[in-house]
Amino acid sequence: MATVFATRESQYPLVAVFDIDMTNAMKNTSGVLTNFKATAGVFDVILLPNNSIVIGGDITVVEASNDSGTATVKVGDATSDARYLAATTIKSTGRTAWTLTGYENKSGENLRTTLANQNGDATLGKVRVTVQYVIRGRSNELQTH
């Protein structure tokens, strides 16, 4: 049996933000340049490091999508496309917090968004993706008595 001791180490949470604008395009996970307003698109939007643990996150619909049909976004990774957020409408403004499980991203899977725009005809729509995370084994401060 190993003896363990209370930690005195702490780290600052890291925060990354990615803005999705339906008028822009990005290479999808297959390397094909794809419009965010396309009927289907899967994009690695934030590159997370090995051993990262997401401790917070949300999407904020800054400008509602005007796709003539439904429009949703999911947030996850290559293993689970909805690990952090199941399909959520982007047809109205507002903030949606993620569901967290304590998953440790040991292999550094990127944060992935899956957009589903029913008709792919949006000319408006902006979604901000925000993630807060820590990295196992990282330390910024050592607390003393």
Protein backbone atom coordinates (compact mmCIF):
# COMPACT_ATOMS: atom_id res chain seq x y z
CA MET A 1 0.00 0.00 0.00
CA ALA A 2 1.35 3.41 -1.00
CA THR A 3 1.29 6.31 1.42
CA VAL A 4 -0.11 9.53 -0.06
CA PHE A 5 0.00 13.07 1.27
CA ALA A 6 -2.20 16.13 0.91
CA THR A 7 -1.25 18.27 -2.05
CA ARG A 8 0.04 21.81 -1.84
CA GLU A 9 0.16 22.24 -5.59
CA SER A 10 -2.47 24.11 -7.60
CA GLN A 11 -2.94 25.26 -11.16
CA TYR A 12 -4.83 27.95 -12.95
CA PRO A 13 -7.71 26.75 -15.14
CA LEU A 14 -7.09 27.27 -18.83
CA VAL A 15 -9.79 28.81 -20.99
CA ALA A 16 -10.16 28.55 -24.76
CA VAL A 17 -12.79 30.19 -26.97
CA PHE A 18 -13.81 29.51 -30.56
CA ASP A 19 -16.34 31.56 -32.51
CA ILE A 20 -18.48 29.90 -35.18
CA ASP A 21 -19.99 32.25 -37.76
CA MET A 22 -22.35 30.71 -40.33
CA THR A 23 -20.84 32.98 -43.01
CA ASN A 24 -17.38 31.40 -42.56
CA ALA A 25 -15.81 28.08 -43.50
CA MET A 26 -13.22 25.76 -41.96
CA LYS A 27 -11.64 22.44 -42.85
CA ASN A 28 -13.79 19.67 -41.41
CA THR A 29 -12.39 16.56 -39.70
CA SER A 30 -11.86 15.01 -43.16
CA GLY A 31 -9.76 17.97 -44.29
CA VAL A 32 -12.42 19.37 -46.65
CA LEU A 33 -13.15 23.11 -46.54
CA THR A 34 -16.79 23.28 -45.40
CA ASN A 35 -19.14 26.15 -44.62
CA PHE A 36 -20.40 26.22 -41.05
CA LYS A 37 -23.93 26.63 -42.49
CA ALA A 38 -23.67 23.34 -44.45
CA THR A 39 -26.33 20.72 -43.74
CA ALA A 40 -23.74 18.65 -41.84
CA GLY A 41 -20.30 19.56 -40.58
CA VAL A 42 -17.90 18.13 -38.02
CA PHE A 43 -15.06 20.41 -36.95
CA ASP A 44 -12.18 20.16 -34.44
CA VAL A 45 -12.44 23.68 -33.04
CA ILE A 46 -10.20 23.64 -29.95
CA LEU A 47 -7.04 21.58 -29.65
CA LEU A 48 -6.87 20.08 -26.17
CA PRO A 49 -3.64 18.65 -24.71
CA ASN A 50 -3.00 15.15 -23.37
CA ASN A 51 -4.31 14.57 -19.83
CA SER A 52 -6.72 17.50 -19.95
CA ILE A 53 -9.89 17.44 -17.87
CA VAL A 54 -12.75 19.73 -18.85
CA ILE A 55 -14.02 21.49 -15.73
CA GLY A 56 -16.46 23.86 -17.43
CA GLY A 57 -17.84 24.86 -20.76
CA ASP A 58 -20.76 26.31 -22.63
CA ILE A 59 -22.05 27.46 -25.94
CA THR A 60 -23.48 30.91 -26.31
CA VAL A 61 -25.67 31.62 -29.31
CA VAL A 62 -24.73 35.24 -29.90
CA GLU A 63 -26.81 35.54 -33.09
CA ALA A 64 -29.54 33.01 -33.84
CA SER A 65 -29.26 30.91 -36.99
CA ASN A 66 -31.77 31.78 -39.67
CA ASP A 67 -31.61 28.41 -41.44
CA SER A 68 -35.10 27.82 -42.86
CA GLY A 69 -35.19 24.49 -40.99
CA THR A 70 -33.75 23.23 -37.73
CA ALA A 71 -30.18 24.07 -36.71
CA THR A 72 -28.27 22.38 -33.88
CA VAL A 73 -24.78 21.96 -32.47
CA LYS A 74 -23.26 19.12 -30.41
CA VAL A 75 -19.94 19.30 -28.54
CA GLY A 76 -17.72 16.31 -27.90
CA ASP A 77 -14.64 14.63 -29.30
CA ALA A 78 -13.68 11.88 -31.73
CA THR A 79 -14.83 9.14 -29.33
CA SER A 80 -18.13 10.69 -28.28
CA ASP A 81 -19.55 13.50 -30.42
CA ALA A 82 -21.89 14.59 -27.62
CA ARG A 83 -19.60 14.01 -24.61
CA TYR A 84 -20.15 17.56 -23.32
CA LEU A 85 -23.34 18.73 -25.04
CA ALA A 86 -26.12 16.84 -26.81
CA ALA A 87 -27.73 18.37 -29.91
CA THR A 88 -28.88 21.85 -28.88
CA THR A 89 -30.75 24.37 -31.00
CA ILE A 90 -28.94 27.44 -32.27
CA LYS A 91 -32.15 29.04 -33.54
CA SER A 92 -32.45 31.35 -30.52
CA THR A 93 -29.91 33.33 -28.53
CA GLY A 94 -28.76 32.24 -25.09
CA ARG A 95 -26.19 30.25 -23.16
CA THR A 96 -26.20 26.50 -22.57
CA ALA A 97 -23.80 24.98 -20.03
CA TRP A 98 -22.27 21.58 -20.70
CA THR A 99 -22.79 18.38 -18.76
CA LEU A 100 -19.46 17.33 -17.23
CA THR A 101 -18.43 13.81 -16.29
CA GLY A 102 -14.84 14.24 -15.07
CA TYR A 103 -13.56 12.50 -18.21
CA GLU A 104 -9.76 12.61 -18.45
CA ASN A 105 -8.69 13.22 -22.03
CA LYS A 106 -5.51 11.12 -21.82
CA SER A 107 -4.77 11.08 -25.55
CA GLY A 108 -5.47 14.76 -26.27
CA GLU A 109 -8.65 14.39 -28.32
CA ASN A 110 -9.64 17.75 -29.79
CA LEU A 111 -12.84 19.49 -28.82
CA ARG A 112 -15.23 18.78 -31.69
CA THR A 113 -18.44 20.47 -32.77
CA THR A 114 -21.03 18.80 -34.95
CA LEU A 115 -23.33 21.22 -36.74
CA ALA A 116 -26.60 20.08 -38.30
CA ASN A 117 -28.39 22.69 -40.40
CA GLN A 118 -31.51 21.20 -41.95
CA ASN A 119 -31.44 23.21 -45.19
CA GLY A 120 -27.94 24.72 -45.19
CA ASP A 121 -29.28 28.15 -46.19
CA ALA A 122 -28.41 30.26 -43.13
CA THR A 123 -27.07 33.76 -43.78
CA LEU A 124 -26.98 34.61 -40.06
CA GLY A 125 -25.80 32.77 -36.98
CA LYS A 126 -22.94 33.05 -34.50
CA VAL A 127 -22.10 30.58 -31.75
CA ARG A 128 -19.30 31.00 -29.19
CA VAL A 129 -17.77 27.80 -27.79
CA THR A 130 -15.98 28.24 -24.45
CA VAL A 131 -14.11 25.52 -22.56
CA GLN A 132 -12.30 25.60 -19.21
CA TYR A 133 -9.88 22.80 -18.42
CA VAL A 134 -6.97 21.70 -16.26
CA ILE A 135 -4.10 19.37 -17.10
CA ARG A 136 -3.25 16.48 -14.79
CA GLY A 137 0.31 16.84 -13.46
CA ARG A 138 0.54 20.59 -14.16
CA SER A 139 1.30 23.01 -11.33
CA ASN A 140 1.43 26.82 -11.22
CA GLU A 141 1.65 27.43 -7.50
CA LEU A 142 2.98 25.71 -4.42
CA GLN A 143 1.09 26.66 -1.27
CA THR A 144 3.08 26.96 1.95
CA HIS A 145 1.91 27.38 5.53
